[in-house]
PDB file of all heavy atoms in Angstrom:
ATOM      1  N   TYR A   1      -5.680   0.980 -13.816  1.00  0.00           N
ATOM      2  CA  TYR A   1      -6.742   1.224 -12.863  1.00  0.00           C
ATOM      3  C   TYR A   1      -7.892   1.832 -13.609  1.00  0.00           C
ATOM      4  O   TYR A   1      -7.716   2.579 -14.609  1.00  0.00           O
ATOM      5  CB  TYR A   1      -6.250   2.246 -11.764  1.00  0.00           C
ATOM      6  CG  TYR A   1      -5.204   1.648 -10.868  1.00  0.00           C
ATOM      7  CD1 TYR A   1      -3.813   1.938 -11.067  1.00  0.00           C
ATOM      8  CD2 TYR A   1      -5.494   0.809  -9.810  1.00  0.00           C
ATOM      9  CE1 TYR A   1      -2.880   1.401 -10.252  1.00  0.00           C
ATOM     10  CE2 TYR A   1      -4.530   0.257  -8.968  1.00  0.00           C
ATOM     11  CZ  TYR A   1      -3.195   0.578  -9.232  1.00  0.00           C
ATOM     12  OH  TYR A   1      -2.279   0.045  -8.415  1.00  0.00           O
ATOM     13  N   ASN A   2      -9.088   1.557 -13.131  1.00  0.00           N
ATOM     14  CA  ASN A   2     -10.253   2.102 -13.824  1.00  0.00           C
ATOM     15  C   ASN A   2     -10.428   3.595 -13.604  1.00  0.00           C
ATOM     16  O   ASN A   2     -11.023   4.297 -14.467  1.00  0.00           O
ATOM     17  CB  ASN A   2     -11.546   1.429 -13.241  1.00  0.00           C
ATOM     18  CG  ASN A   2     -11.626  -0.021 -13.588  1.00  0.00           C
ATOM     19  OD1 ASN A   2     -11.326  -0.419 -14.729  1.00  0.00           O
ATOM     20  ND2 ASN A   2     -11.978  -0.890 -12.654  1.00  0.00           N
ATOM     21  N   ASN A   3      -9.841   4.114 -12.530  1.00  0.00           N
ATOM     22  CA  ASN A   3      -9.895   5.531 -12.249  1.00  0.00           C
ATOM     23  C   ASN A   3      -8.847   5.941 -11.195  1.00  0.00           C
ATOM     24  O   ASN A   3      -8.172   5.004 -10.622  1.00  0.00           O
ATOM     25  CB  ASN A   3     -11.310   5.979 -11.768  1.00  0.00           C
ATOM     26  CG  ASN A   3     -11.732   5.099 -10.610  1.00  0.00           C
ATOM     27  OD1 ASN A   3     -11.097   5.002  -9.557  1.00  0.00           O
ATOM     28  ND2 ASN A   3     -12.931   4.480 -10.740  1.00  0.00           N
ATOM     29  N   GLU A   4      -8.676   7.209 -10.965  1.00  0.00           N
ATOM     30  CA  GLU A   4      -7.629   7.668 -10.031  1.00  0.00           C
ATOM     31  C   GLU A   4      -7.941   7.256  -8.622  1.00  0.00           C
ATOM     32  O   GLU A   4      -7.036   7.070  -7.802  1.00  0.00           O
ATOM     33  CB  GLU A   4      -7.499   9.173 -10.134  1.00  0.00           C
ATOM     34  CG  GLU A   4      -7.010   9.576 -11.583  1.00  0.00           C
ATOM     35  CD  GLU A   4      -7.251  11.108 -11.819  1.00  0.00           C
ATOM     36  OE1 GLU A   4      -7.649  11.797 -10.862  1.00  0.00           O
ATOM     37  OE2 GLU A   4      -6.962  11.527 -12.955  1.00  0.00           O
ATOM     38  N   GLN A   5      -9.196   7.121  -8.319  1.00  0.00           N
ATOM     39  CA  GLN A   5      -9.606   6.773  -6.955  1.00  0.00           C
ATOM     40  C   GLN A   5      -9.104   5.392  -6.615  1.00  0.00           C
ATOM     41  O   GLN A   5      -8.596   5.184  -5.436  1.00  0.00           O
ATOM     42  CB  GLN A   5     -11.184   6.782  -6.856  1.00  0.00           C
ATOM     43  CG  GLN A   5     -11.749   8.173  -6.880  1.00  0.00           C
ATOM     44  CD  GLN A   5     -12.116   8.584  -8.356  1.00  0.00           C
ATOM     45  OE1 GLN A   5     -11.557   8.133  -9.262  1.00  0.00           O
ATOM     46  NE2 GLN A   5     -13.141   9.410  -8.398  1.00  0.00           N
ATOM     47  N   GLU A   6      -9.163   4.474  -7.520  1.00  0.00           N
ATOM     48  CA  GLU A   6      -8.718   3.086  -7.238  1.00  0.00           C
ATOM     49  C   GLU A   6      -7.196   3.128  -7.049  1.00  0.00           C
ATOM     50  O   GLU A   6      -6.640   2.435  -6.184  1.00  0.00           O
ATOM     51  CB  GLU A   6      -9.015   2.188  -8.460  1.00  0.00           C
ATOM     52  CG  GLU A   6     -10.520   1.829  -8.535  1.00  0.00           C
ATOM     53  CD  GLU A   6     -10.797   0.867  -9.687  1.00  0.00           C
ATOM     54  OE1 GLU A   6      -9.894   0.664 -10.475  1.00  0.00           O
ATOM     55  OE2 GLU A   6     -11.872   0.360  -9.734  1.00  0.00           O
ATOM     56  N   ALA A   7      -6.536   3.916  -7.839  1.00  0.00           N
ATOM     57  CA  ALA A   7      -5.036   4.028  -7.734  1.00  0.00           C
ATOM     58  C   ALA A   7      -4.626   4.539  -6.360  1.00  0.00           C
ATOM     59  O   ALA A   7      -3.694   4.032  -5.756  1.00  0.00           O
ATOM     60  CB  ALA A   7      -4.444   4.929  -8.835  1.00  0.00           C
ATOM     61  N   ILE A   8      -5.340   5.584  -5.880  1.00  0.00           N
ATOM     62  CA  ILE A   8      -4.993   6.085  -4.634  1.00  0.00           C
ATOM     63  C   ILE A   8      -5.229   5.140  -3.482  1.00  0.00           C
ATOM     64  O   ILE A   8      -4.362   4.952  -2.561  1.00  0.00           O
ATOM     65  CB  ILE A   8      -5.791   7.446  -4.363  1.00  0.00           C
ATOM     66  CG1 ILE A   8      -5.366   8.516  -5.309  1.00  0.00           C
ATOM     67  CG2 ILE A   8      -5.608   7.920  -2.882  1.00  0.00           C
ATOM     68  CD1 ILE A   8      -6.178   9.803  -5.209  1.00  0.00           C
ATOM     69  N   ARG A   9      -6.373   4.469  -3.492  1.00  0.00           N
ATOM     70  CA  ARG A   9      -6.641   3.461  -2.414  1.00  0.00           C
ATOM     71  C   ARG A   9      -5.592   2.364  -2.475  1.00  0.00           C
ATOM     72  O   ARG A   9      -5.152   1.852  -1.426  1.00  0.00           O
ATOM     73  CB  ARG A   9      -7.994   2.897  -2.660  1.00  0.00           C
ATOM     74  CG  ARG A   9      -9.145   3.875  -2.304  1.00  0.00           C
ATOM     75  CD  ARG A   9     -10.454   3.207  -2.157  1.00  0.00           C
ATOM     76  NE  ARG A   9     -10.425   2.267  -1.002  1.00  0.00           N
ATOM     77  CZ  ARG A   9     -10.653   2.694   0.288  1.00  0.00           C
ATOM     78  NH1 ARG A   9     -10.920   3.946   0.518  1.00  0.00           N
ATOM     79  NH2 ARG A   9     -10.622   1.796   1.223  1.00  0.00           N
ATOM     80  N   ASP A  10      -5.244   1.945  -3.720  1.00  0.00           N
ATOM     81  CA  ASP A  10      -4.249   0.837  -3.795  1.00  0.00           C
ATOM     82  C   ASP A  10      -2.908   1.231  -3.217  1.00  0.00           C
ATOM     83  O   ASP A  10      -2.262   0.522  -2.413  1.00  0.00           O
ATOM     84  CB  ASP A  10      -4.078   0.391  -5.234  1.00  0.00           C
ATOM     85  CG  ASP A  10      -3.696  -1.016  -5.426  1.00  0.00           C
ATOM     86  OD1 ASP A  10      -3.924  -1.789  -4.471  1.00  0.00           O
ATOM     87  OD2 ASP A  10      -3.118  -1.366  -6.464  1.00  0.00           O
ATOM     88  N   VAL A  11      -2.431   2.436  -3.563  1.00  0.00           N
ATOM     89  CA  VAL A  11      -1.068   2.893  -3.090  1.00  0.00           C
ATOM     90  C   VAL A  11      -1.089   3.124  -1.586  1.00  0.00           C
ATOM     91  O   VAL A  11      -0.114   2.851  -0.915  1.00  0.00           O
ATOM     92  CB  VAL A  11      -0.591   4.102  -3.878  1.00  0.00           C
ATOM     93  CG1 VAL A  11      -1.246   5.359  -3.368  1.00  0.00           C
ATOM     94  CG2 VAL A  11       0.901   4.258  -3.719  1.00  0.00           C
ATOM     95  N   LEU A  12      -2.231   3.535  -1.026  1.00  0.00           N
ATOM     96  CA  LEU A  12      -2.279   3.797   0.422  1.00  0.00           C
ATOM     97  C   LEU A  12      -2.223   2.445   1.176  1.00  0.00           C
ATOM     98  O   LEU A  12      -1.447   2.229   2.164  1.00  0.00           O
ATOM     99  CB  LEU A  12      -3.541   4.491   0.790  1.00  0.00           C
ATOM    100  CG  LEU A  12      -3.599   5.973   0.396  1.00  0.00           C
ATOM    101  CD1 LEU A  12      -4.952   6.581   0.815  1.00  0.00           C
ATOM    102  CD2 LEU A  12      -2.423   6.812   0.906  1.00  0.00           C
ATOM    103  N   ARG A  13      -2.938   1.508   0.784  1.00  0.00           N
ATOM    104  CA  ARG A  13      -2.963   0.152   1.392  1.00  0.00           C
ATOM    105  C   ARG A  13      -1.577  -0.552   1.250  1.00  0.00           C
ATOM    106  O   ARG A  13      -1.060  -1.149   2.137  1.00  0.00           O
ATOM    107  CB  ARG A  13      -4.054  -0.763   0.821  1.00  0.00           C
ATOM    108  CG  ARG A  13      -5.485  -0.266   1.198  1.00  0.00           C
ATOM    109  CD  ARG A  13      -6.490  -1.417   0.910  1.00  0.00           C
ATOM    110  NE  ARG A  13      -6.329  -2.517   1.854  1.00  0.00           N
ATOM    111  CZ  ARG A  13      -6.975  -3.685   1.708  1.00  0.00           C
ATOM    112  NH1 ARG A  13      -7.743  -3.893   0.659  1.00  0.00           N
ATOM    113  NH2 ARG A  13      -6.783  -4.674   2.614  1.00  0.00           N
ATOM    114  N   LEU A  14      -1.025  -0.473  -0.007  1.00  0.00           N
ATOM    115  CA  LEU A  14       0.207  -1.256  -0.253  1.00  0.00           C
ATOM    116  C   LEU A  14       1.360  -0.604   0.511  1.00  0.00           C
ATOM    117  O   LEU A  14       2.206  -1.299   1.008  1.00  0.00           O
ATOM    118  CB  LEU A  14       0.451  -1.184  -1.771  1.00  0.00           C
ATOM    119  CG  LEU A  14      -0.493  -2.036  -2.587  1.00  0.00           C
ATOM    120  CD1 LEU A  14      -0.281  -1.681  -4.065  1.00  0.00           C
ATOM    121  CD2 LEU A  14      -0.219  -3.519  -2.339  1.00  0.00           C
ATOM    122  N   SER A  15       1.421   0.714   0.560  1.00  0.00           N
ATOM    123  CA  SER A  15       2.521   1.357   1.284  1.00  0.00           C
ATOM    124  C   SER A  15       2.447   1.080   2.785  1.00  0.00           C
ATOM    125  O   SER A  15       3.471   0.813   3.429  1.00  0.00           O
ATOM    126  CB  SER A  15       2.496   2.861   1.012  1.00  0.00           C
ATOM    127  OG  SER A  15       1.242   3.464   1.418  1.00  0.00           O
ATOM    128  N   ARG A  16       1.235   1.055   3.314  1.00  0.00           N
ATOM    129  CA  ARG A  16       1.091   0.706   4.708  1.00  0.00           C
ATOM    130  C   ARG A  16       1.568  -0.719   4.970  1.00  0.00           C
ATOM    131  O   ARG A  16       2.215  -1.031   5.981  1.00  0.00           O
ATOM    132  CB  ARG A  16      -0.354   0.887   5.106  1.00  0.00           C
ATOM    133  CG  ARG A  16      -0.737   0.438   6.579  1.00  0.00           C
ATOM    134  CD  ARG A  16      -2.158   0.872   6.884  1.00  0.00           C
ATOM    135  NE  ARG A  16      -2.582   0.424   8.183  1.00  0.00           N
ATOM    136  CZ  ARG A  16      -3.226  -0.688   8.452  1.00  0.00           C
ATOM    137  NH1 ARG A  16      -3.518  -1.520   7.456  1.00  0.00           N
ATOM    138  NH2 ARG A  16      -3.537  -0.978   9.693  1.00  0.00           N
ATOM    139  N   GLY A  17       1.226  -1.590   4.074  1.00  0.00           N
ATOM    140  CA  GLY A  17       1.643  -3.024   4.184  1.00  0.00           C
ATOM    141  C   GLY A  17       3.177  -3.135   4.128  1.00  0.00           C
ATOM    142  O   GLY A  17       3.791  -4.015   4.829  1.00  0.00           O
ATOM    143  N   MET A  18       3.855  -2.259   3.396  1.00  0.00           N
ATOM    144  CA  MET A  18       5.328  -2.356   3.351  1.00  0.00           C
ATOM    145  C   MET A  18       5.951  -1.956   4.673  1.00  0.00           C
ATOM    146  O   MET A  18       6.997  -2.534   5.062  1.00  0.00           O
ATOM    147  CB  MET A  18       5.819  -1.425   2.247  1.00  0.00           C
ATOM    148  CG  MET A  18       5.430  -1.823   0.806  1.00  0.00           C
ATOM    149  SD  MET A  18       5.981  -3.540   0.408  1.00  0.00           S
ATOM    150  CE  MET A  18       7.788  -3.310   0.450  1.00  0.00           C
ATOM    151  N   THR A  19       5.326  -1.043   5.381  1.00  0.00           N
ATOM    152  CA  THR A  19       5.788  -0.670   6.731  1.00  0.00           C
ATOM    153  C   THR A  19       5.898  -1.893   7.599  1.00  0.00           C
ATOM    154  O   THR A  19       6.860  -2.202   8.268  1.00  0.00           O
ATOM    155  CB  THR A  19       5.004   0.438   7.340  1.00  0.00           C
ATOM    156  OG1 THR A  19       5.150   1.638   6.608  1.00  0.00           O
ATOM    157  CG2 THR A  19       5.399   0.692   8.789  1.00  0.00           C
ATOM    158  N   TYR A  20       4.779  -2.605   7.679  1.00  0.00           N
ATOM    159  CA  TYR A  20       4.671  -3.809   8.548  1.00  0.00           C
ATOM    160  C   TYR A  20       5.541  -4.926   8.042  1.00  0.00           C
ATOM    161  O   TYR A  20       6.107  -5.682   8.845  1.00  0.00           O
ATOM    162  CB  TYR A  20       3.215  -4.204   8.611  1.00  0.00           C
ATOM    163  CG  TYR A  20       2.398  -3.322   9.500  1.00  0.00           C
ATOM    164  CD1 TYR A  20       1.771  -2.185   9.009  1.00  0.00           C
ATOM    165  CD2 TYR A  20       2.211  -3.623  10.831  1.00  0.00           C
ATOM    166  CE1 TYR A  20       0.993  -1.333   9.759  1.00  0.00           C
ATOM    167  CE2 TYR A  20       1.452  -2.789  11.658  1.00  0.00           C
ATOM    168  CZ  TYR A  20       0.832  -1.643  11.148  1.00  0.00           C
ATOM    169  OH  TYR A  20       0.139  -0.825  11.934  1.00  0.00           O
ATOM    170  N   LYS A  21       5.676  -5.029   6.752  1.00  0.00           N
ATOM    171  CA  LYS A  21       6.561  -6.070   6.164  1.00  0.00           C
ATOM    172  C   LYS A  21       7.939  -5.884   6.560  1.00  0.00           C
ATOM    173  O   LYS A  21       8.638  -6.817   7.019  1.00  0.00           O
ATOM    174  CB  LYS A  21       6.410  -6.026   4.642  1.00  0.00           C
ATOM    175  CG  LYS A  21       7.178  -7.166   3.931  1.00  0.00           C
ATOM    176  CD  LYS A  21       7.056  -7.093   2.412  1.00  0.00           C
ATOM    177  CE  LYS A  21       5.577  -7.309   2.018  1.00  0.00           C
ATOM    178  NZ  LYS A  21       5.509  -7.437   0.529  1.00  0.00           N
ATOM    179  N   ALA A  22       8.411  -4.631   6.400  1.00  0.00           N
ATOM    180  CA  ALA A  22       9.845  -4.341   6.790  1.00  0.00           C
ATOM    181  C   ALA A  22      10.036  -4.515   8.328  1.00  0.00           C
ATOM    182  O   ALA A  22      11.087  -5.108   8.742  1.00  0.00           O
ATOM    183  CB  ALA A  22      10.300  -2.907   6.414  1.00  0.00           C
ATOM    184  N   ALA A  23       9.108  -4.126   9.111  1.00  0.00           N
ATOM    185  CA  ALA A  23       9.255  -4.223  10.570  1.00  0.00           C
ATOM    186  C   ALA A  23       9.258  -5.651  11.033  1.00  0.00           C
ATOM    187  O   ALA A  23      10.147  -6.022  11.817  1.00  0.00           O
ATOM    188  CB  ALA A  23       8.132  -3.419  11.232  1.00  0.00           C
ATOM    189  N   ILE A  24       8.321  -6.416  10.611  1.00  0.00           N
ATOM    190  CA  ILE A  24       8.247  -7.832  11.029  1.00  0.00           C
ATOM    191  C   ILE A  24       9.427  -8.648  10.548  1.00  0.00           C
ATOM    192  O   ILE A  24       9.797  -9.665  11.099  1.00  0.00           O
ATOM    193  CB  ILE A  24       6.924  -8.464  10.586  1.00  0.00           C
ATOM    194  CG1 ILE A  24       6.622  -9.725  11.422  1.00  0.00           C
ATOM    195  CG2 ILE A  24       6.913  -8.805   9.131  1.00  0.00           C
ATOM    196  CD1 ILE A  24       6.262  -9.501  12.886  1.00  0.00           C
ATOM    197  N   SER A  25      10.067  -8.182   9.414  1.00  0.00           N
ATOM    198  CA  SER A  25      11.157  -8.933   8.849  1.00  0.00           C
ATOM    199  C   SER A  25      12.548  -8.487   9.439  1.00  0.00           C
ATOM    200  O   SER A  25      13.590  -9.027   9.034  1.00  0.00           O
ATOM    201  CB  SER A  25      11.190  -8.674   7.330  1.00  0.00           C
ATOM    202  OG  SER A  25      10.063  -9.124   6.736  1.00  0.00           O
ATOM    203  N   GLY A  26      12.486  -7.587  10.368  1.00  0.00           N
ATOM    204  CA  GLY A  26      13.757  -7.183  11.061  1.00  0.00           C
ATOM    205  C   GLY A  26      14.537  -6.225  10.205  1.00  0.00           C
ATOM    206  O   GLY A  26      15.783  -6.051  10.472  1.00  0.00           O
TER     207      GLY A  26
END
């Protein structure tokens, strides 16, 4: 990552996506 800010934004979006991924997949 170019900086820590990018890393934080990435991990927040990706972790949120995992919640929906697990839920929709049963």
